[in-house]
N, C-alpha and C. Protein backbone atom coordinates (compact mmCIF):
# COMPACT_ATOMS: atom_id res chain seq x y z
N MET A 1 0.91 -1.17 0.11
CA MET A 1 -0.04 0.09 0.04
C MET A 1 0.88 1.25 0.12
N HIS A 2 0.72 2.20 -0.78
CA HIS A 2 1.25 3.46 -0.72
C HIS A 2 0.57 4.67 -1.38
N ASP A 3 0.97 5.81 -0.93
CA ASP A 3 0.21 6.89 -1.45
C ASP A 3 0.91 7.32 -2.97
N ASP A 4 0.06 7.19 -3.95
CA ASP A 4 0.42 7.16 -5.52
C ASP A 4 -0.27 8.59 -5.64
N ASN A 5 0.98 9.61 -5.89
CA ASN A 5 0.87 10.94 -6.33
C ASN A 5 0.85 11.17 -7.82
N SER A 6 0.72 10.48 -8.70
CA SER A 6 1.00 10.20 -9.93
C SER A 6 -0.23 10.32 -10.56
N GLY A 7 -1.71 9.54 -10.04
CA GLY A 7 -2.76 9.09 -10.51
C GLY A 7 -3.84 10.27 -10.46
N GLN A 8 -5.27 9.59 -11.01
CA GLN A 8 -6.35 10.73 -10.73
C GLN A 8 -6.57 10.85 -9.40
N ALA A 9 -6.15 9.75 -8.42
CA ALA A 9 -6.79 10.17 -7.13
C ALA A 9 -6.02 11.31 -6.34
N ALA A 10 -4.86 11.77 -6.82
CA ALA A 10 -4.08 12.75 -6.18
C ALA A 10 -4.52 14.16 -7.15
N HIS A 11 -4.48 13.92 -8.68
CA HIS A 11 -4.63 15.17 -9.49
C HIS A 11 -5.67 15.94 -9.47
N ALA A 12 -7.29 15.20 -9.30
CA ALA A 12 -8.27 15.77 -9.83
C ALA A 12 -8.93 16.88 -9.24
N THR A 13 -9.38 17.76 -9.78
CA THR A 13 -9.96 19.00 -9.00
C THR A 13 -11.23 19.31 -9.38
N LEU A 14 -11.98 19.75 -8.37
CA LEU A 14 -13.48 20.14 -7.96
C LEU A 14 -13.50 21.05 -9.25
N PRO A 15 -14.62 21.43 -10.08
CA PRO A 15 -15.05 22.32 -10.97
C PRO A 15 -15.28 23.33 -10.02
N PRO A 16 -14.95 24.62 -10.64
CA PRO A 16 -14.92 25.82 -9.97
C PRO A 16 -16.74 26.24 -9.55
N THR A 17 -17.50 25.64 -10.55
CA THR A 17 -18.77 26.00 -10.34
C THR A 17 -19.35 25.23 -9.48
N CYS A 18 -19.06 23.97 -9.07
CA CYS A 18 -19.56 23.02 -8.45
C CYS A 18 -19.97 23.36 -7.07
N LYS A 19 -21.25 22.94 -6.72
CA LYS A 19 -22.11 23.37 -5.40
C LYS A 19 -22.35 22.09 -4.42
N PRO A 20 -22.16 22.03 -3.35
CA PRO A 20 -22.60 20.87 -2.29
C PRO A 20 -24.28 20.97 -2.43
N TYR A 21 -24.69 19.64 -2.54
CA TYR A 21 -26.14 19.47 -2.60
C TYR A 21 -26.58 18.46 -1.72
N ARG A 22 -25.53 17.46 -1.24
CA ARG A 22 -26.16 16.57 -0.17
C ARG A 22 -24.79 15.85 0.26
N SER A 23 -25.11 15.50 1.63
CA SER A 23 -23.90 14.82 2.40
C SER A 23 -24.60 13.22 3.07
N THR A 24 -23.62 12.42 3.15
CA THR A 24 -24.10 11.14 3.84
C THR A 24 -23.98 11.70 5.50
N PRO A 25 -24.49 10.63 6.25
CA PRO A 25 -24.24 10.57 7.58
C PRO A 25 -22.59 10.32 7.83
N VAL A 26 -22.05 10.46 9.04
CA VAL A 26 -20.76 10.03 9.45
C VAL A 26 -20.65 8.71 9.62
N PHE A 27 -19.81 8.01 8.81
CA PHE A 27 -19.70 6.62 8.73
C PHE A 27 -18.59 6.34 9.37
N THR A 28 -18.43 5.07 10.28
CA THR A 28 -17.41 4.58 11.17
C THR A 28 -17.05 3.11 10.35
N GLU A 29 -16.28 2.54 10.82
CA GLU A 29 -15.88 1.34 10.60
C GLU A 29 -16.94 0.09 10.82
N VAL A 30 -17.85 0.52 11.53
CA VAL A 30 -19.05 -0.56 11.85
C VAL A 30 -20.07 0.07 11.19
N THR A 31 -20.19 1.32 10.94
CA THR A 31 -21.59 1.75 9.98
C THR A 31 -21.37 1.94 8.49
N VAL A 32 -20.02 2.07 8.00
CA VAL A 32 -19.93 2.17 6.47
C VAL A 32 -20.59 1.23 5.65
N PRO A 33 -21.31 1.48 4.78
CA PRO A 33 -22.21 0.74 3.93
C PRO A 33 -21.10 -0.41 2.94
N PRO A 34 -21.39 -1.61 2.93
CA PRO A 34 -20.58 -2.32 2.11
C PRO A 34 -20.51 -1.95 0.94
N ARG A 35 -21.26 -1.46 0.03
CA ARG A 35 -20.91 -1.01 -1.16
C ARG A 35 -19.89 0.01 -1.28
N LEU A 36 -19.58 0.85 -0.40
CA LEU A 36 -18.40 1.83 -0.42
C LEU A 36 -17.04 1.08 -0.59
N LEU A 37 -17.12 -0.29 0.02
CA LEU A 37 -15.89 -0.92 0.27
C LEU A 37 -15.64 -1.91 -1.00
N ARG A 38 -16.53 -1.61 -2.19
CA ARG A 38 -16.40 -2.43 -3.60
C ARG A 38 -16.37 -1.39 -4.68
N SER A 39 -16.21 -1.81 -5.63
CA SER A 39 -16.29 -0.76 -6.86
C SER A 39 -17.64 -0.05 -7.22
N HIS A 40 -17.71 1.12 -7.20
CA HIS A 40 -19.04 1.89 -7.36
C HIS A 40 -18.50 3.21 -7.85
N ARG A 41 -19.76 3.76 -8.46
CA ARG A 41 -19.33 5.11 -9.15
C ARG A 41 -20.38 5.89 -8.67
N THR A 42 -20.24 7.39 -8.84
CA THR A 42 -21.05 8.52 -8.66
C THR A 42 -22.15 8.48 -9.82
N ALA A 43 -23.18 9.42 -9.68
CA ALA A 43 -24.15 9.52 -10.91
C ALA A 43 -23.38 10.41 -11.83
N PRO A 44 -23.94 10.44 -12.89
CA PRO A 44 -23.55 11.33 -14.10
C PRO A 44 -23.55 12.83 -13.43
N ALA A 45 -22.61 13.52 -13.72
CA ALA A 45 -22.39 15.10 -13.52
C ALA A 45 -22.23 15.29 -11.88
N THR A 46 -22.03 14.19 -11.10
CA THR A 46 -21.97 14.21 -9.71
C THR A 46 -20.67 13.81 -9.26
N TRP A 47 -19.94 15.14 -8.51
CA TRP A 47 -18.35 14.65 -7.95
C TRP A 47 -18.63 14.64 -6.53
N ALA A 48 -18.17 14.14 -5.56
CA ALA A 48 -17.93 13.87 -4.16
C ALA A 48 -16.55 14.09 -3.65
N LEU A 49 -16.74 14.64 -2.49
CA LEU A 49 -15.34 14.61 -1.65
C LEU A 49 -15.36 13.94 -0.40
N ILE A 50 -14.55 13.21 -0.08
CA ILE A 50 -14.48 12.14 0.98
C ILE A 50 -13.62 13.03 2.07
N HIS A 51 -14.24 13.12 3.11
CA HIS A 51 -13.50 13.78 4.36
C HIS A 51 -13.21 12.77 5.37
N VAL A 52 -12.25 12.77 5.85
CA VAL A 52 -11.76 12.06 6.89
C VAL A 52 -11.76 12.89 8.34
N LEU A 53 -12.60 12.59 9.29
CA LEU A 53 -12.65 13.11 10.40
C LEU A 53 -11.63 12.53 11.31
N GLU A 54 -11.43 11.32 11.59
CA GLU A 54 -10.66 10.39 12.23
C GLU A 54 -9.90 9.41 11.38
N GLY A 55 -9.00 8.83 12.07
CA GLY A 55 -8.30 7.80 11.33
C GLY A 55 -8.00 7.84 10.04
N ARG A 56 -7.87 6.60 9.57
CA ARG A 56 -7.29 6.62 7.91
C ARG A 56 -8.07 5.68 7.14
N LEU A 57 -8.29 6.13 5.70
CA LEU A 57 -8.66 4.94 4.74
C LEU A 57 -7.72 5.18 3.56
N LEU A 58 -7.71 4.14 2.68
CA LEU A 58 -7.36 4.11 1.21
C LEU A 58 -8.43 4.46 0.40
N TYR A 59 -8.44 5.47 -0.51
CA TYR A 59 -9.21 5.85 -1.57
C TYR A 59 -8.66 5.55 -2.80
N ARG A 60 -9.15 4.44 -3.62
CA ARG A 60 -8.48 3.74 -4.72
C ARG A 60 -9.48 4.28 -5.93
N VAL A 61 -8.93 5.03 -7.21
CA VAL A 61 -9.70 5.06 -8.14
C VAL A 61 -8.81 3.52 -8.95
N LEU A 62 -9.90 3.15 -9.49
CA LEU A 62 -10.12 1.65 -10.11
C LEU A 62 -9.73 2.23 -11.81
N GLU A 63 -10.01 3.43 -12.58
CA GLU A 63 -9.85 3.32 -13.95
C GLU A 63 -9.53 4.74 -13.98
N PRO A 64 -8.40 5.31 -14.59
CA PRO A 64 -6.87 4.39 -14.51
C PRO A 64 -6.43 4.36 -13.11
N PRO A 65 -5.93 3.42 -12.66
CA PRO A 65 -5.69 2.87 -11.40
C PRO A 65 -4.71 3.99 -10.75
N SER A 66 -5.08 4.32 -9.24
CA SER A 66 -4.16 5.18 -8.48
C SER A 66 -4.85 4.94 -7.22
N GLU A 67 -4.15 5.49 -6.12
CA GLU A 67 -4.57 5.23 -4.97
C GLU A 67 -3.88 6.28 -3.98
N ARG A 68 -4.72 6.72 -2.87
CA ARG A 68 -4.35 7.75 -2.00
C ARG A 68 -4.79 7.65 -0.68
N LEU A 69 -4.10 7.75 0.22
CA LEU A 69 -4.34 7.41 1.70
C LEU A 69 -4.96 8.81 2.01
N LEU A 70 -5.80 8.85 2.90
CA LEU A 70 -6.75 9.90 3.35
C LEU A 70 -6.56 9.93 5.00
N ASP A 71 -6.30 11.07 5.62
CA ASP A 71 -6.62 11.39 6.85
C ASP A 71 -7.09 12.62 7.15
N PRO A 72 -7.41 13.15 8.40
CA PRO A 72 -7.87 14.26 8.94
C PRO A 72 -6.57 15.58 8.39
N ALA A 73 -5.52 15.13 8.08
CA ALA A 73 -4.36 15.99 8.05
C ALA A 73 -4.68 16.60 6.06
N ALA A 74 -5.22 15.42 5.27
CA ALA A 74 -5.11 15.57 4.17
C ALA A 74 -6.16 16.02 3.66
N ALA A 75 -6.00 16.50 2.50
CA ALA A 75 -7.20 17.45 1.64
C ALA A 75 -8.07 16.17 1.32
N PRO A 76 -9.35 16.55 1.16
CA PRO A 76 -10.23 15.47 1.11
C PRO A 76 -10.18 14.63 -0.39
N GLY A 77 -10.67 13.46 -0.07
CA GLY A 77 -10.47 12.63 -1.61
C GLY A 77 -11.43 13.08 -2.39
N LEU A 78 -11.16 13.27 -3.98
CA LEU A 78 -12.01 13.74 -4.89
C LEU A 78 -12.42 12.59 -5.65
N VAL A 79 -14.04 12.41 -5.73
CA VAL A 79 -14.37 11.43 -6.71
C VAL A 79 -15.11 11.92 -7.94
N GLU A 80 -14.29 11.86 -8.87
CA GLU A 80 -15.06 12.64 -10.30
C GLU A 80 -16.33 11.47 -10.84
N PRO A 81 -17.32 12.29 -11.93
CA PRO A 81 -18.20 11.65 -12.08
C PRO A 81 -18.07 10.38 -12.90
N ARG A 82 -18.89 9.18 -12.65
CA ARG A 82 -18.80 8.19 -13.11
C ARG A 82 -17.37 7.39 -13.02
N VAL A 83 -16.40 7.76 -12.31
CA VAL A 83 -15.15 7.07 -12.56
C VAL A 83 -15.53 5.98 -11.39
N PRO A 84 -14.82 4.39 -11.73
CA PRO A 84 -15.25 3.71 -10.57
C PRO A 84 -14.02 4.01 -9.59
N HIS A 85 -14.67 3.33 -8.03
CA HIS A 85 -13.78 3.83 -7.20
C HIS A 85 -14.02 2.67 -6.05
N GLU A 86 -13.26 2.96 -4.95
CA GLU A 86 -13.92 2.09 -3.73
C GLU A 86 -12.83 2.88 -2.59
N VAL A 87 -13.14 2.48 -1.29
CA VAL A 87 -12.42 2.75 -0.31
C VAL A 87 -12.12 1.64 0.61
N THR A 88 -10.87 1.26 1.26
CA THR A 88 -10.55 0.54 2.16
C THR A 88 -10.07 1.10 3.68
N LEU A 89 -10.67 0.69 4.58
CA LEU A 89 -10.80 1.18 6.02
C LEU A 89 -9.30 0.64 6.49
N LEU A 90 -8.77 1.61 7.43
CA LEU A 90 -7.34 1.27 7.74
C LEU A 90 -7.47 1.44 9.22
N GLY A 91 -8.39 0.53 9.81
CA GLY A 91 -8.45 0.79 11.55
C GLY A 91 -9.78 1.26 11.70
N PRO A 92 -9.96 1.72 12.81
CA PRO A 92 -11.07 2.80 13.30
C PRO A 92 -10.89 3.89 12.65
N VAL A 93 -12.07 4.32 12.25
CA VAL A 93 -12.33 5.65 11.22
C VAL A 93 -13.68 6.52 11.36
N ARG A 94 -13.59 7.53 11.09
CA ARG A 94 -14.80 8.50 11.11
C ARG A 94 -14.70 9.33 9.68
N PHE A 95 -15.57 9.18 8.73
CA PHE A 95 -15.56 9.79 7.47
C PHE A 95 -16.91 10.31 7.13
N GLN A 96 -16.93 11.09 6.25
CA GLN A 96 -18.36 11.49 5.51
C GLN A 96 -17.86 12.07 3.94
N VAL A 97 -19.04 11.75 3.18
CA VAL A 97 -19.04 12.13 1.87
C VAL A 97 -20.06 13.01 1.39
N VAL A 98 -19.48 14.26 0.71
CA VAL A 98 -20.20 15.33 0.23
C VAL A 98 -20.54 15.40 -1.19
N PHE A 99 -21.41 15.09 -1.47
CA PHE A 99 -21.87 15.24 -3.06
C PHE A 99 -21.71 16.67 -3.57
N HIS A 100 -21.28 16.95 -5.16
CA HIS A 100 -21.41 18.08 -5.55
C HIS A 100 -21.83 18.04 -6.85
N ARG A 101 -22.53 19.03 -7.56
CA ARG A 101 -23.01 19.13 -8.86
C ARG A 101 -22.68 20.63 -9.62
N LEU A 102 -22.62 20.71 -10.82
CA LEU A 102 -22.55 21.88 -11.45
C LEU A 102 -23.74 22.67 -11.22
N ALA A 103 -23.40 24.16 -10.75
CA ALA A 103 -24.60 25.13 -10.50
C ALA A 103 -25.82 25.03 -11.55
N GLU A 104 -25.19 24.96 -12.82
CA GLU A 104 -25.84 24.94 -13.89
C GLU A 104 -26.64 23.69 -14.03
N ALA A 105 -26.38 22.66 -13.51
CA ALA A 105 -27.05 21.41 -13.39
C ALA A 105 -28.42 21.46 -12.25
N GLU A 106 -28.11 22.21 -11.45
CA GLU A 106 -29.44 22.44 -10.16
C GLU A 106 -30.36 23.13 -11.09
N GLY A 107 -29.92 24.39 -11.82
CA GLY A 107 -30.99 24.78 -12.43
C GLY A 107 -31.67 24.11 -13.71
N GLU A 108 -30.82 23.38 -14.27
CA GLU A 108 -31.73 22.37 -15.08
C GLU A 108 -32.47 21.63 -14.30
N ASP A 109 -32.29 21.13 -13.04
CA ASP A 109 -33.07 19.98 -12.48
C ASP A 109 -34.44 20.78 -12.03
N MET A 110 -34.29 22.15 -11.71
CA MET A 110 -35.48 22.86 -11.02
C MET A 110 -36.41 23.17 -12.45
N VAL A 111 -36.01 23.42 -13.73
CA VAL A 111 -36.58 23.31 -14.88
C VAL A 111 -37.35 22.33 -15.03
N ALA A 112 -36.43 21.22 -14.93
CA ALA A 112 -37.13 19.97 -15.36
C ALA A 112 -38.29 19.57 -14.19
N ALA A 113 -37.76 19.81 -13.08
CA ALA A 113 -39.18 19.64 -12.26
C ALA A 113 -40.59 20.22 -12.40
N ALA A 114 -40.18 21.64 -12.78
CA ALA A 114 -41.18 22.46 -13.05
C ALA A 114 -42.09 22.15 -14.03
N ALA A 115 -41.37 21.74 -15.09
CA ALA A 115 -42.13 21.14 -16.11
C ALA A 115 -42.93 19.87 -15.99
N THR A 116 -42.39 19.28 -14.91
CA THR A 116 -43.50 17.82 -14.73
C THR A 116 -44.37 18.25 -13.62
N ARG A 117 -44.41 19.18 -13.07
CA ARG A 117 -45.40 19.50 -11.89
C ARG A 117 -46.78 19.86 -12.48
N PRO A 118 -47.83 19.05 -11.96
CA PRO A 118 -49.07 19.24 -12.48
C PRO A 118 -49.46 20.34 -11.94
N GLU A 119 -50.32 21.16 -13.10
CA GLU A 119 -50.89 22.47 -12.84
C GLU A 119 -51.92 22.43 -11.72
N GLY A 120 -52.10 23.63 -10.99
CA GLY A 120 -52.88 23.61 -9.88
C GLY A 120 -53.92 24.65 -9.89
């Protein structure tokens, strides 16, 4: 296991117009959903930041392969849209995931929602 500073896990950046829209509860080694420990992806146009509050975890991007050790002193792990990834817990840990999307996508969602609302 190592901190690979050459891959996507290390060099991705959140687009400047991204805004947070949802966060998970704080997970621990006991409460983490099993799906986070195996390959999964975010929704289209959805980024995520993995914030480690206590302990350590390994954030692994599967395509192209790279990994990064996350702890409270490290910058959050950035998950890009539709990129397969997983985390490995390295002992007791507390972490939270905050989901982001482009501000323009929020506006499009509101327009789509308004268009499907029944008239009253």
